[in-house]
Amino acid sequence: MNYAMDSKDAVFPHQIGIVTELSSTWDQVFVITYTTNPDELSPVPSNVVIMNLNWHKGSKFVAILKLFYFFLKVTLTKDKVVLFSYMTETLSALIAPLAKLLNIRHILWYAHASKPRRLSWCHLWIDKLVTSTQESCPIHSKKVIPIGQAVDQTAFSCPDKRVRSNPSKMQVVHVGRIDPSKNIETIIELFIEKFPSKNSVLNLIGTNSEKYAYYASSLKSRFKSQVDSGQVIFHGKKDQVFINNALCQSDIFLHAFSGSLDKTLIEAILSRTFVISSNQAFIKEFGCLGKVSEFDNLSAFLFQELNIYQQSDASELQSIVDKRYRHAFNYHSRHQWLRKLNQVLLDA
């Protein structure tokens, strides 16, 4: 079960790729999904069957009936079925008791700091809960298995990229939702303060969640002069090709989200972009330039990180980029993630 078979989905564009790669290991893959992009389903391998709930269109009651119908259609007609729920704790909460009753092994992927009641309910019934890092899962038990992120190392790649020494035009980027939790106003304020040159650019890639349309509008209004001059650019929703190109052209990925380890951070690292982040999970795994204990707030910490960055030699920064790249490739690339996931699925 997954959220979207759509490479242009704002949150889960990678899920269609994961399905395709899983199909090379399993005899058949049946996908019960919230939504699809019909234009992208023709390249899906022949052993993949898509079952679209159309969850966001029409009656939820009808969608739930379809969920149970699709689930029973597969599990009652096939042998040796394993159920993998990919960030679909709502569907899992509905299906989990029935899967347990039918002795169907059930593995849920969940990587988010929030702890909804439906997740706790799922945890009672499922066999394993896989996540990216310990900090990315609010539940702590023997069922929880961290297996890293699942970033496509071929889609995010800038093999010839090197840290530039004192560039006259700084390219700063942020990829993610334009929501209050991402602290976009802090990112813009720091960019303006630290890189006042008219030649420097901050590229904000991503769109707001539906309920936070006001936030994006308020940012554009508040920083109108920088938006009008082209110093701050709101690109909106973009595909992976655009994002990788933007990362390849950027000096810094500036990030201020305090929750779980954002997948976009790994994408930036694999694209050999220098990441400056206040995210505790990121700092624990990849380190930072200064000392976390010295700073009392997010803005002050990021300000100091940018100071140290500007005072460092390009060779020092390149050494950090290379070290982070090796770690991300070994622990968070899609290849490694699929290997670990398949092991969990087969051992479940």
C-alpha atoms as a PDB file:
ATOM      1  CA  MET A   1       0.000   0.000   0.000  1.00  0.00           C
ATOM      2  CA  ASN A   2       1.364   3.406  -0.871  1.00  0.00           C
ATOM      3  CA  TYR A   3       0.315   7.017  -1.160  1.00  0.00           C
ATOM      4  CA  ALA A   4       0.949   7.873  -4.810  1.00  0.00           C
ATOM      5  CA  MET A   5       2.012   6.320  -8.093  1.00  0.00           C
ATOM      6  CA  ASP A   6       3.045   9.722  -9.406  1.00  0.00           C
ATOM      7  CA  SER A   7       6.588  11.043  -9.845  1.00  0.00           C
ATOM      8  CA  LYS A   8       5.217  14.607  -9.683  1.00  0.00           C
ATOM      9  CA  ASP A   9       3.496  14.166  -6.318  1.00  0.00           C
ATOM     10  CA  ALA A  10       4.532  16.924  -3.887  1.00  0.00           C
ATOM     11  CA  VAL A  11       5.478  14.553  -1.044  1.00  0.00           C
ATOM     12  CA  PHE A  12       5.899  11.010  -2.414  1.00  0.00           C
ATOM     13  CA  PRO A  13       7.289  11.271  -5.969  1.00  0.00           C
ATOM     14  CA  HIS A  14       9.723   8.413  -5.299  1.00  0.00           C
ATOM     15  CA  GLN A  15       7.131   5.748  -4.488  1.00  0.00           C
ATOM     16  CA  ILE A  16       6.523   4.722  -8.100  1.00  0.00           C
ATOM     17  CA  GLY A  17      10.264   4.114  -8.465  1.00  0.00           C
ATOM     18  CA  ILE A  18      10.359   2.011  -5.300  1.00  0.00           C
ATOM     19  CA  VAL A  19       7.535  -0.168  -6.655  1.00  0.00           C
ATOM     20  CA  THR A  20       9.400  -0.655  -9.918  1.00  0.00           C
ATOM     21  CA  GLU A  21      12.578  -1.738  -8.141  1.00  0.00           C
ATOM     22  CA  LEU A  22      10.741  -4.055  -5.734  1.00  0.00           C
ATOM     23  CA  SER A  23       9.208  -5.792  -8.735  1.00  0.00           C
ATOM     24  CA  SER A  24      12.649  -7.129  -9.703  1.00  0.00           C
ATOM     25  CA  THR A  25      12.815  -9.097  -6.436  1.00  0.00           C
ATOM     26  CA  TRP A  26       9.226 -10.302  -6.033  1.00  0.00           C
ATOM     27  CA  ASP A  27       7.139 -12.547  -8.309  1.00  0.00           C
ATOM     28  CA  GLN A  28       4.240 -10.111  -8.204  1.00  0.00           C
ATOM     29  CA  VAL A  29       3.647  -6.697  -6.664  1.00  0.00           C
ATOM     30  CA  PHE A  30       0.071  -5.555  -6.060  1.00  0.00           C
ATOM     31  CA  VAL A  31      -0.145  -1.845  -5.250  1.00  0.00           C
ATOM     32  CA  ILE A  32      -3.140  -0.424  -3.397  1.00  0.00           C
ATOM     33  CA  THR A  33      -2.625   3.318  -3.739  1.00  0.00           C
ATOM     34  CA  TYR A  34      -4.374   6.552  -2.790  1.00  0.00           C
ATOM     35  CA  THR A  35      -3.879   8.061  -6.218  1.00  0.00           C
ATOM     36  CA  THR A  36      -2.229   7.529  -9.591  1.00  0.00           C
ATOM     37  CA  ASN A  37      -0.984   9.525 -12.537  1.00  0.00           C
ATOM     38  CA  PRO A  38      -2.344   7.574 -15.556  1.00  0.00           C
ATOM     39  CA  ASP A  39       0.329   9.037 -17.832  1.00  0.00           C
ATOM     40  CA  GLU A  40       3.058   7.245 -15.859  1.00  0.00           C
ATOM     41  CA  LEU A  41       1.604   3.767 -15.442  1.00  0.00           C
ATOM     42  CA  SER A  42       2.518   2.353 -18.864  1.00  0.00           C
ATOM     43  CA  PRO A  43       6.252   1.902 -17.999  1.00  0.00           C
ATOM     44  CA  VAL A  44       5.389  -0.060 -14.826  1.00  0.00           C
ATOM     45  CA  PRO A  45       6.729  -3.665 -15.083  1.00  0.00           C
ATOM     46  CA  SER A  46       4.334  -6.399 -16.199  1.00  0.00           C
ATOM     47  CA  ASN A  47       4.341  -8.105 -12.785  1.00  0.00           C
ATOM     48  CA  VAL A  48       2.977  -4.959 -11.091  1.00  0.00           C
ATOM     49  CA  VAL A  49      -0.785  -4.545 -10.661  1.00  0.00           C
ATOM     50  CA  ILE A  50      -2.124  -1.098  -9.669  1.00  0.00           C
ATOM     51  CA  MET A  51      -5.323  -0.781  -7.618  1.00  0.00           C
ATOM     52  CA  ASN A  52      -6.379   2.857  -7.321  1.00  0.00           C
ATOM     53  CA  LEU A  53      -8.549   3.897  -4.353  1.00  0.00           C
ATOM     54  CA  ASN A  54      -9.097   7.471  -5.647  1.00  0.00           C
ATOM     55  CA  TRP A  55      -8.974   8.344  -1.958  1.00  0.00           C
ATOM     56  CA  HIS A  56      -9.074  12.104  -2.434  1.00  0.00           C
ATOM     57  CA  LYS A  57     -11.959  12.022  -4.889  1.00  0.00           C
ATOM     58  CA  GLY A  58     -15.530  11.045  -4.080  1.00  0.00           C
ATOM     59  CA  SER A  59     -16.779   9.138  -1.059  1.00  0.00           C
ATOM     60  CA  LYS A  60     -14.323   7.981   1.627  1.00  0.00           C
ATOM     61  CA  PHE A  61     -16.763   5.175   2.468  1.00  0.00           C
ATOM     62  CA  VAL A  62     -16.555   3.857  -1.093  1.00  0.00           C
ATOM     63  CA  ALA A  63     -12.758   4.147  -0.983  1.00  0.00           C
ATOM     64  CA  ILE A  64     -12.642   2.111   2.245  1.00  0.00           C
ATOM     65  CA  LEU A  65     -14.857  -0.571   0.722  1.00  0.00           C
ATOM     66  CA  LYS A  66     -12.488  -0.707  -2.265  1.00  0.00           C
ATOM     67  CA  LEU A  67      -9.542  -1.020   0.128  1.00  0.00           C
ATOM     68  CA  PHE A  68     -10.972  -4.134   1.792  1.00  0.00           C
ATOM     69  CA  TYR A  69     -12.055  -5.582  -1.562  1.00  0.00           C
ATOM     70  CA  PHE A  70      -8.598  -5.155  -3.106  1.00  0.00           C
ATOM     71  CA  PHE A  71      -6.871  -6.514   0.001  1.00  0.00           C
ATOM     72  CA  LEU A  72      -9.042  -9.636   0.198  1.00  0.00           C
ATOM     73  CA  LYS A  73      -8.867 -10.173  -3.561  1.00  0.00           C
ATOM     74  CA  VAL A  74      -5.097 -10.533  -3.315  1.00  0.00           C
ATOM     75  CA  THR A  75      -4.638 -12.234   0.051  1.00  0.00           C
ATOM     76  CA  LEU A  76      -7.336 -14.880  -0.469  1.00  0.00           C
ATOM     77  CA  THR A  77      -6.116 -15.888  -3.936  1.00  0.00           C
ATOM     78  CA  LYS A  78      -2.324 -15.760  -3.524  1.00  0.00           C
ATOM     79  CA  ASP A  79       0.107 -17.751  -1.392  1.00  0.00           C
ATOM     80  CA  LYS A  80       2.937 -16.321   0.701  1.00  0.00           C
ATOM     81  CA  VAL A  81       1.747 -12.718   0.721  1.00  0.00           C
ATOM     82  CA  VAL A  82       3.629 -10.001   2.597  1.00  0.00           C
ATOM     83  CA  LEU A  83       1.968  -6.630   3.168  1.00  0.00           C
ATOM     84  CA  PHE A  84       4.202  -3.549   3.022  1.00  0.00           C
ATOM     85  CA  SER A  85       2.559  -0.254   3.970  1.00  0.00           C
ATOM     86  CA  TYR A  86       4.648   2.656   2.705  1.00  0.00           C
ATOM     87  CA  MET A  87       3.837   5.688   4.875  1.00  0.00           C
ATOM     88  CA  THR A  88       0.138   4.778   4.810  1.00  0.00           C
ATOM     89  CA  GLU A  89      -0.646   4.520   8.508  1.00  0.00           C
ATOM     90  CA  THR A  90      -4.305   5.410   7.854  1.00  0.00           C
ATOM     91  CA  LEU A  91      -4.838   2.474   5.482  1.00  0.00           C
ATOM     92  CA  SER A  92      -2.743   0.287   7.765  1.00  0.00           C
ATOM     93  CA  ALA A  93      -4.914   1.143  10.771  1.00  0.00           C
ATOM     94  CA  LEU A  94      -7.949  -0.099   8.855  1.00  0.00           C
ATOM     95  CA  ILE A  95      -6.324  -3.243   7.483  1.00  0.00           C
ATOM     96  CA  ALA A  96      -3.964  -4.267  10.327  1.00  0.00           C
ATOM     97  CA  PRO A  97      -6.456  -6.286  12.474  1.00  0.00           C
ATOM     98  CA  LEU A  98      -7.725  -8.182   9.419  1.00  0.00           C
ATOM     99  CA  ALA A  99      -4.157  -8.881   8.251  1.00  0.00           C
ATOM    100  CA  LYS A 100      -3.373 -10.282  11.692  1.00  0.00           C
ATOM    101  CA  LEU A 101      -6.513 -12.434  11.632  1.00  0.00           C
ATOM    102  CA  LEU A 102      -5.532 -13.842   8.225  1.00  0.00           C
ATOM    103  CA  ASN A 103      -1.930 -14.389   9.395  1.00  0.00           C
ATOM    104  CA  ILE A 104      -0.606 -11.950   6.774  1.00  0.00           C
ATOM    105  CA  ARG A 105       2.775 -10.499   7.687  1.00  0.00           C
ATOM    106  CA  HIS A 106       2.526  -6.710   7.835  1.00  0.00           C
ATOM    107  CA  ILE A 107       5.443  -4.256   7.723  1.00  0.00           C
ATOM    108  CA  LEU A 108       4.806  -0.514   7.997  1.00  0.00           C
ATOM    109  CA  TRP A 109       7.233   2.206   6.892  1.00  0.00           C
ATOM    110  CA  TYR A 110       6.822   5.365   8.968  1.00  0.00           C
ATOM    111  CA  ALA A 111       9.327   8.240   9.129  1.00  0.00           C
ATOM    112  CA  HIS A 112       7.820  11.279  10.823  1.00  0.00           C
ATOM    113  CA  ALA A 113       8.156  12.914  14.227  1.00  0.00           C
ATOM    114  CA  SER A 114       4.398  13.096  14.879  1.00  0.00           C
ATOM    115  CA  LYS A 115       2.602  10.260  16.682  1.00  0.00           C
ATOM    116  CA  PRO A 116      -1.022   9.997  15.586  1.00  0.00           C
ATOM    117  CA  ARG A 117      -3.298   7.566  17.409  1.00  0.00           C
ATOM    118  CA  ARG A 118      -3.655   5.461  14.285  1.00  0.00           C
ATOM    119  CA  LEU A 119       0.103   4.804  14.380  1.00  0.00           C
ATOM    120  CA  SER A 120      -0.114   3.512  17.955  1.00  0.00           C
ATOM    121  CA  TRP A 121      -3.054   1.344  16.871  1.00  0.00           C
ATOM    122  CA  CYS A 122      -1.041  -0.037  13.941  1.00  0.00           C
ATOM    123  CA  HIS A 123       1.865  -0.816  16.234  1.00  0.00           C
ATOM    124  CA  LEU A 124      -0.321  -3.216  18.203  1.00  0.00           C
ATOM    125  CA  TRP A 125      -1.003  -5.350  15.121  1.00  0.00           C
ATOM    126  CA  ILE A 126       1.901  -5.088  12.699  1.00  0.00           C
ATOM    127  CA  ASP A 127       4.972  -7.332  12.697  1.00  0.00           C
ATOM    128  CA  LYS A 128       7.652  -4.716  12.048  1.00  0.00           C
ATOM    129  CA  LEU A 129       7.865  -0.930  11.810  1.00  0.00           C
ATOM    130  CA  VAL A 130      10.683   0.225   9.519  1.00  0.00           C
ATOM    131  CA  THR A 131      11.899   3.823   9.611  1.00  0.00           C
ATOM    132  CA  SER A 132      14.831   5.934   8.422  1.00  0.00           C
ATOM    133  CA  THR A 133      16.519   6.726  11.767  1.00  0.00           C
ATOM    134  CA  GLN A 134      15.655   6.256  15.437  1.00  0.00           C
ATOM    135  CA  GLU A 135      14.760   9.964  15.626  1.00  0.00           C
ATOM    136  CA  SER A 136      12.369   9.602  12.681  1.00  0.00           C
ATOM    137  CA  CYS A 137       9.989   7.333  14.576  1.00  0.00           C
ATOM    138  CA  PRO A 138       8.068   8.426  17.707  1.00  0.00           C
ATOM    139  CA  ILE A 139       7.601   4.807  18.810  1.00  0.00           C
ATOM    140  CA  HIS A 140      10.427   2.914  20.494  1.00  0.00           C
ATOM    141  CA  SER A 141      10.116  -0.838  20.650  1.00  0.00           C
ATOM    142  CA  LYS A 142      11.708  -4.063  19.413  1.00  0.00           C
ATOM    143  CA  LYS A 143       9.461  -3.880  16.364  1.00  0.00           C
ATOM    144  CA  VAL A 144      11.151  -0.687  15.102  1.00  0.00           C
ATOM    145  CA  ILE A 145      13.997  -1.163  12.600  1.00  0.00           C
ATOM    146  CA  PRO A 146      15.917   1.846  11.165  1.00  0.00           C
ATOM    147  CA  ILE A 147      17.022   1.207   7.568  1.00  0.00           C
ATOM    148  CA  GLY A 148      17.978   4.698   6.370  1.00  0.00           C
ATOM    149  CA  GLN A 149      16.362   6.880   3.716  1.00  0.00           C
ATOM    150  CA  ALA A 150      15.688   5.734   0.149  1.00  0.00           C
ATOM    151  CA  VAL A 151      17.251   8.403  -2.040  1.00  0.00           C
ATOM    152  CA  ASP A 152      17.848   7.469  -5.665  1.00  0.00           C
ATOM    153  CA  GLN A 153      21.598   7.938  -5.990  1.00  0.00           C
ATOM    154  CA  THR A 154      21.306   8.083  -9.775  1.00  0.00           C
ATOM    155  CA  ALA A 155      18.631  10.826  -9.800  1.00  0.00           C
ATOM    156  CA  PHE A 156      20.584  13.056  -7.415  1.00  0.00           C
ATOM    157  CA  SER A 157      24.120  13.233  -8.704  1.00  0.00           C
ATOM    158  CA  CYS A 158      26.631  15.987  -9.513  1.00  0.00           C
ATOM    159  CA  PRO A 159      29.880  14.008  -9.920  1.00  0.00           C
ATOM    160  CA  ASP A 160      32.060  16.921 -11.064  1.00  0.00           C
ATOM    161  CA  LYS A 161      30.847  19.433  -8.493  1.00  0.00           C
ATOM    162  CA  ARG A 162      33.396  21.068  -6.174  1.00  0.00           C
ATOM    163  CA  VAL A 163      33.088  23.675  -3.410  1.00  0.00           C
ATOM    164  CA  ARG A 164      33.730  27.114  -4.902  1.00  0.00           C
ATOM    165  CA  SER A 165      36.235  29.413  -3.239  1.00  0.00           C
ATOM    166  CA  ASN A 166      34.737  32.847  -2.375  1.00  0.00           C
ATOM    167  CA  PRO A 167      32.161  32.982  -5.181  1.00  0.00           C
ATOM    168  CA  SER A 168      30.905  36.468  -6.020  1.00  0.00           C
ATOM    169  CA  LYS A 169      27.442  35.071  -6.615  1.00  0.00           C
ATOM    170  CA  MET A 170      26.209  32.741  -3.863  1.00  0.00           C
ATOM    171  CA  GLN A 171      23.566  30.207  -4.840  1.00  0.00           C
ATOM    172  CA  VAL A 172      21.518  29.066  -1.833  1.00  0.00           C
ATOM    173  CA  VAL A 173      18.679  26.558  -2.095  1.00  0.00           C
ATOM    174  CA  HIS A 174      15.949  25.047   0.051  1.00  0.00           C
ATOM    175  CA  VAL A 175      13.779  22.137  -1.076  1.00  0.00           C
ATOM    176  CA  GLY A 176      10.634  21.279   0.868  1.00  0.00           C
ATOM    177  CA  ARG A 177       7.142  22.389   1.708  1.00  0.00           C
ATOM    178  CA  ILE A 178       6.530  26.108   2.231  1.00  0.00           C
ATOM    179  CA  ASP A 179       4.965  25.458   5.631  1.00  0.00           C
ATOM    180  CA  PRO A 180       5.527  27.139   9.031  1.00  0.00           C
ATOM    181  CA  SER A 181       7.255  24.032  10.441  1.00  0.00           C
ATOM    182  CA  LYS A 182      10.015  24.483   7.857  1.00  0.00           C
ATOM    183  CA  ASN A 183      10.830  27.970   9.247  1.00  0.00           C
ATOM    184  CA  ILE A 184      11.125  29.488   5.774  1.00  0.00           C
ATOM    185  CA  GLU A 185      11.074  33.040   7.152  1.00  0.00           C
ATOM    186  CA  THR A 186      14.234  32.247   9.158  1.00  0.00           C
ATOM    187  CA  ILE A 187      15.950  30.912   6.049  1.00  0.00           C
ATOM    188  CA  ILE A 188      15.075  34.052   4.061  1.00  0.00           C
ATOM    189  CA  GLU A 189      16.155  36.396   6.880  1.00  0.00           C
ATOM    190  CA  LEU A 190      19.513  34.639   7.250  1.00  0.00           C
ATOM    191  CA  PHE A 191      20.090  34.657   3.502  1.00  0.00           C
ATOM    192  CA  ILE A 192      19.427  38.407   3.262  1.00  0.00           C
ATOM    193  CA  GLU A 193      21.700  39.137   6.233  1.00  0.00           C
ATOM    194  CA  LYS A 194      24.607  36.890   5.266  1.00  0.00           C
ATOM    195  CA  PHE A 195      24.512  37.294   1.469  1.00  0.00           C
ATOM    196  CA  PRO A 196      23.378  40.888   0.812  1.00  0.00           C
ATOM    197  CA  SER A 197      24.894  41.042  -2.668  1.00  0.00           C
ATOM    198  CA  LYS A 198      22.317  41.581  -5.407  1.00  0.00           C
ATOM    199  CA  ASN A 199      24.043  38.792  -7.328  1.00  0.00           C
ATOM    200  CA  SER A 200      23.249  36.151  -4.700  1.00  0.00           C
ATOM    201  CA  VAL A 201      20.083  34.080  -5.082  1.00  0.00           C
ATOM    202  CA  LEU A 202      17.924  31.991  -2.745  1.00  0.00           C
ATOM    203  CA  ASN A 203      15.894  29.357  -4.598  1.00  0.00           C
ATOM    204  CA  LEU A 204      12.896  28.002  -2.680  1.00  0.00           C
ATOM    205  CA  ILE A 205      11.609  24.821  -4.332  1.00  0.00           C
ATOM    206  CA  GLY A 206       8.342  23.323  -3.147  1.00  0.00           C
ATOM    207  CA  THR A 207       4.759  24.297  -2.573  1.00  0.00           C
ATOM    208  CA  ASN A 208       2.695  24.889   0.536  1.00  0.00           C
ATOM    209  CA  SER A 209       0.302  22.393   2.068  1.00  0.00           C
ATOM    210  CA  GLU A 210      -3.289  23.298   1.277  1.00  0.00           C
ATOM    211  CA  LYS A 211      -4.011  24.647   4.763  1.00  0.00           C
ATOM    212  CA  TYR A 212      -0.906  26.867   4.720  1.00  0.00           C
ATOM    213  CA  ALA A 213      -1.589  28.893   1.593  1.00  0.00           C
ATOM    214  CA  TYR A 214      -1.643  32.016   3.796  1.00  0.00           C
ATOM    215  CA  TYR A 215       1.953  31.338   4.914  1.00  0.00           C
ATOM    216  CA  ALA A 216       3.393  31.337   1.398  1.00  0.00           C
ATOM    217  CA  SER A 217       1.438  34.502   0.560  1.00  0.00           C
ATOM    218  CA  SER A 218       2.637  36.279   3.692  1.00  0.00           C
ATOM    219  CA  LEU A 219       6.273  35.434   2.920  1.00  0.00           C
ATOM    220  CA  LYS A 220       5.997  36.800  -0.620  1.00  0.00           C
ATOM    221  CA  SER A 221       4.424  39.963   0.739  1.00  0.00           C
ATOM    222  CA  ARG A 222       6.910  40.420   3.581  1.00  0.00           C
ATOM    223  CA  PHE A 223       9.950  39.929   1.334  1.00  0.00           C
ATOM    224  CA  LYS A 224       8.425  41.586  -1.715  1.00  0.00           C
ATOM    225  CA  SER A 225      11.490  43.667  -2.624  1.00  0.00           C
ATOM    226  CA  GLN A 226      13.758  40.590  -2.664  1.00  0.00           C
ATOM    227  CA  VAL A 227      11.190  38.605  -4.664  1.00  0.00           C
ATOM    228  CA  ASP A 228      10.756  41.434  -7.173  1.00  0.00           C
ATOM    229  CA  SER A 229      14.537  41.827  -7.587  1.00  0.00           C
ATOM    230  CA  GLY A 230      15.024  38.091  -8.155  1.00  0.00           C
ATOM    231  CA  GLN A 231      17.138  37.569  -5.034  1.00  0.00           C
ATOM    232  CA  VAL A 232      14.501  35.244  -3.548  1.00  0.00           C
ATOM    233  CA  ILE A 233      12.687  32.969  -5.985  1.00  0.00           C
ATOM    234  CA  PHE A 234       9.646  30.834  -5.140  1.00  0.00           C
ATOM    235  CA  HIS A 235       9.738  28.096  -7.768  1.00  0.00           C
ATOM    236  CA  GLY A 236       6.756  26.087  -6.546  1.00  0.00           C
ATOM    237  CA  LYS A 237       6.397  22.372  -7.197  1.00  0.00           C
ATOM    238  CA  LYS A 238       9.137  20.893  -9.412  1.00  0.00           C
ATOM    239  CA  ASP A 239      10.180  17.416 -10.544  1.00  0.00           C
ATOM    240  CA  GLN A 240      13.355  15.559  -9.556  1.00  0.00           C
ATOM    241  CA  VAL A 241      15.255  16.622 -12.682  1.00  0.00           C
ATOM    242  CA  PHE A 242      14.718  20.311 -11.893  1.00  0.00           C
ATOM    243  CA  ILE A 243      15.632  19.770  -8.231  1.00  0.00           C
ATOM    244  CA  ASN A 244      18.841  17.917  -9.072  1.00  0.00           C
ATOM    245  CA  ASN A 245      19.861  20.660 -11.521  1.00  0.00           C
ATOM    246  CA  ALA A 246      19.184  23.296  -8.861  1.00  0.00           C
ATOM    247  CA  LEU A 247      21.245  21.374  -6.301  1.00  0.00           C
ATOM    248  CA  CYS A 248      24.107  20.988  -8.761  1.00  0.00           C
ATOM    249  CA  GLN A 249      24.190  24.768  -9.258  1.00  0.00           C
ATOM    250  CA  SER A 250      23.912  25.617  -5.532  1.00  0.00           C
ATOM    251  CA  ASP A 251      26.641  26.326  -3.001  1.00  0.00           C
ATOM    252  CA  ILE A 252      24.538  25.827   0.149  1.00  0.00           C
ATOM    253  CA  PHE A 253      21.393  23.923   1.057  1.00  0.00           C
ATOM    254  CA  LEU A 254      19.990  25.946   3.982  1.00  0.00           C
ATOM    255  CA  HIS A 255      17.574  24.068   6.242  1.00  0.00           C
ATOM    256  CA  ALA A 256      15.752  24.930   9.479  1.00  0.00           C
ATOM    257  CA  PHE A 257      13.293  22.083  10.146  1.00  0.00           C
ATOM    258  CA  SER A 258      13.587  20.647  13.661  1.00  0.00           C
ATOM    259  CA  GLY A 259      11.632  17.412  13.153  1.00  0.00           C
ATOM    260  CA  SER A 260      12.801  14.116  11.663  1.00  0.00           C
ATOM    261  CA  LEU A 261      15.610  13.741   9.117  1.00  0.00           C
ATOM    262  CA  ASP A 262      14.281  15.275   5.907  1.00  0.00           C
ATOM    263  CA  LYS A 263      14.826  13.209   2.768  1.00  0.00           C
ATOM    264  CA  THR A 264      15.797  16.408   0.947  1.00  0.00           C
ATOM    265  CA  LEU A 265      18.909  16.666   3.131  1.00  0.00           C
ATOM    266  CA  ILE A 266      20.165  13.328   1.808  1.00  0.00           C
ATOM    267  CA  GLU A 267      19.329  14.371  -1.756  1.00  0.00           C
ATOM    268  CA  ALA A 268      21.435  17.508  -1.265  1.00  0.00           C
ATOM    269  CA  ILE A 269      24.356  15.544   0.185  1.00  0.00           C
ATOM    270  CA  LEU A 270      24.314  13.021  -2.672  1.00  0.00           C
ATOM    271  CA  SER A 271      24.301  16.017  -5.038  1.00  0.00           C
ATOM    272  CA  ARG A 272      27.488  17.196  -3.282  1.00  0.00           C
ATOM    273  CA  THR A 273      25.875  20.384  -1.989  1.00  0.00           C
ATOM    274  CA  PHE A 274      27.081  21.752   1.351  1.00  0.00           C
ATOM    275  CA  VAL A 275      24.259  21.410   3.875  1.00  0.00           C
ATOM    276  CA  ILE A 276      23.783  23.839   6.762  1.00  0.00           C
ATOM    277  CA  SER A 277      20.970  22.630   9.000  1.00  0.00           C
ATOM    278  CA  SER A 278      19.726  22.999  12.559  1.00  0.00           C
ATOM    279  CA  ASN A 279      18.057  19.581  12.393  1.00  0.00           C
ATOM    280  CA  GLN A 280      19.176  17.507  15.380  1.00  0.00           C
ATOM    281  CA  ALA A 281      18.899  14.166  13.553  1.00  0.00           C
ATOM    282  CA  PHE A 282      21.066  15.561  10.736  1.00  0.00           C
ATOM    283  CA  ILE A 283      23.676  16.966  13.141  1.00  0.00           C
ATOM    284  CA  LYS A 284      23.835  13.698  15.090  1.00  0.00           C
ATOM    285  CA  GLU A 285      24.574  11.742  11.909  1.00  0.00           C
ATOM    286  CA  PHE A 286      26.488  14.205   9.714  1.00  0.00           C
ATOM    287  CA  GLY A 287      27.866  16.740  12.179  1.00  0.00           C
ATOM    288  CA  CYS A 288      28.014  20.542  12.010  1.00  0.00           C
ATOM    289  CA  LEU A 289      30.665  23.239  11.786  1.00  0.00           C
ATOM    290  CA  GLY A 290      30.302  24.714  15.289  1.00  0.00           C
ATOM    291  CA  LYS A 291      29.156  23.468  18.682  1.00  0.00           C
ATOM    292  CA  VAL A 292      25.432  22.925  19.188  1.00  0.00           C
ATOM    293  CA  SER A 293      25.649  23.547  22.945  1.00  0.00           C
ATOM    294  CA  GLU A 294      26.800  27.134  22.441  1.00  0.00           C
ATOM    295  CA  PHE A 295      23.576  28.361  20.819  1.00  0.00           C
ATOM    296  CA  ASP A 296      20.177  28.858  22.405  1.00  0.00           C
ATOM    297  CA  ASN A 297      17.998  29.211  19.339  1.00  0.00           C
ATOM    298  CA  LEU A 298      17.635  28.050  15.772  1.00  0.00           C
ATOM    299  CA  SER A 299      18.445  31.368  14.094  1.00  0.00           C
ATOM    300  CA  ALA A 300      21.578  31.989  16.192  1.00  0.00           C
ATOM    301  CA  PHE A 301      22.870  28.493  15.498  1.00  0.00           C
ATOM    302  CA  LEU A 302      22.375  28.783  11.732  1.00  0.00           C
ATOM    303  CA  PHE A 303      23.911  32.285  11.740  1.00  0.00           C
ATOM    304  CA  GLN A 304      27.040  30.904  13.406  1.00  0.00           C
ATOM    305  CA  GLU A 305      27.185  27.950  10.984  1.00  0.00           C
ATOM    306  CA  LEU A 306      27.074  30.380   8.059  1.00  0.00           C
ATOM    307  CA  ASN A 307      29.819  32.485   9.685  1.00  0.00           C
ATOM    308  CA  ILE A 308      32.090  29.464   9.981  1.00  0.00           C
ATOM    309  CA  TYR A 309      31.287  28.430   6.405  1.00  0.00           C
ATOM    310  CA  GLN A 310      32.301  31.862   5.091  1.00  0.00           C
ATOM    311  CA  GLN A 311      35.567  31.765   7.077  1.00  0.00           C
ATOM    312  CA  SER A 312      36.540  28.235   5.989  1.00  0.00           C
ATOM    313  CA  ASP A 313      38.802  27.231   3.115  1.00  0.00           C
ATOM    314  CA  ALA A 314      37.187  25.551   0.125  1.00  0.00           C
ATOM    315  CA  SER A 315      39.399  22.489   0.701  1.00  0.00           C
ATOM    316  CA  GLU A 316      38.112  22.121   4.287  1.00  0.00           C
ATOM    317  CA  LEU A 317      34.508  22.366   3.144  1.00  0.00           C
ATOM    318  CA  GLN A 318      35.142  19.931   0.280  1.00  0.00           C
ATOM    319  CA  SER A 319      36.509  17.394   2.738  1.00  0.00           C
ATOM    320  CA  ILE A 320      33.240  17.611   4.713  1.00  0.00           C
ATOM    321  CA  VAL A 321      31.172  17.288   1.531  1.00  0.00           C
ATOM    322  CA  ASP A 322      33.084  14.154   0.506  1.00  0.00           C
ATOM    323  CA  LYS A 323      32.788  12.554   3.943  1.00  0.00           C
ATOM    324  CA  ARG A 324      29.053  13.220   4.107  1.00  0.00           C
ATOM    325  CA  TYR A 325      28.603  11.876   0.575  1.00  0.00           C
ATOM    326  CA  ARG A 326      30.251   8.561   1.451  1.00  0.00           C
ATOM    327  CA  HIS A 327      28.118   8.158   4.570  1.00  0.00           C
ATOM    328  CA  ALA A 328      24.876   9.042   2.764  1.00  0.00           C
ATOM    329  CA  PHE A 329      25.667   6.633  -0.073  1.00  0.00           C
ATOM    330  CA  ASN A 330      26.421   3.781   2.341  1.00  0.00           C
ATOM    331  CA  TYR A 331      23.432   4.307   4.627  1.00  0.00           C
ATOM    332  CA  HIS A 332      20.734   6.248   2.762  1.00  0.00           C
ATOM    333  CA  SER A 333      20.948   5.415  -0.950  1.00  0.00           C
ATOM    334  CA  ARG A 334      18.008   3.592  -2.511  1.00  0.00           C
ATOM    335  CA  HIS A 335      20.191   0.605  -3.333  1.00  0.00           C
ATOM    336  CA  GLN A 336      21.108   0.083   0.325  1.00  0.00           C
ATOM    337  CA  TRP A 337      17.567   0.840   1.500  1.00  0.00           C
ATOM    338  CA  LEU A 338      16.002  -1.738  -0.825  1.00  0.00           C
ATOM    339  CA  ARG A 339      18.498  -4.366   0.279  1.00  0.00           C
ATOM    340  CA  LYS A 340      17.643  -3.779   3.946  1.00  0.00           C
ATOM    341  CA  LEU A 341      13.892  -3.535   3.259  1.00  0.00           C
ATOM    342  CA  ASN A 342      13.835  -6.796   1.318  1.00  0.00           C
ATOM    343  CA  GLN A 343      15.641  -8.490   4.183  1.00  0.00           C
ATOM    344  CA  VAL A 344      12.981  -7.280   6.619  1.00  0.00           C
ATOM    345  CA  LEU A 345      10.164  -8.336   4.280  1.00  0.00           C
ATOM    346  CA  LEU A 346      11.643 -11.781   3.721  1.00  0.00           C
ATOM    347  CA  ASP A 347      12.411 -12.300   7.413  1.00  0.00           C
ATOM    348  CA  ALA A 348       9.047 -11.039   8.638  1.00  0.00           C
END
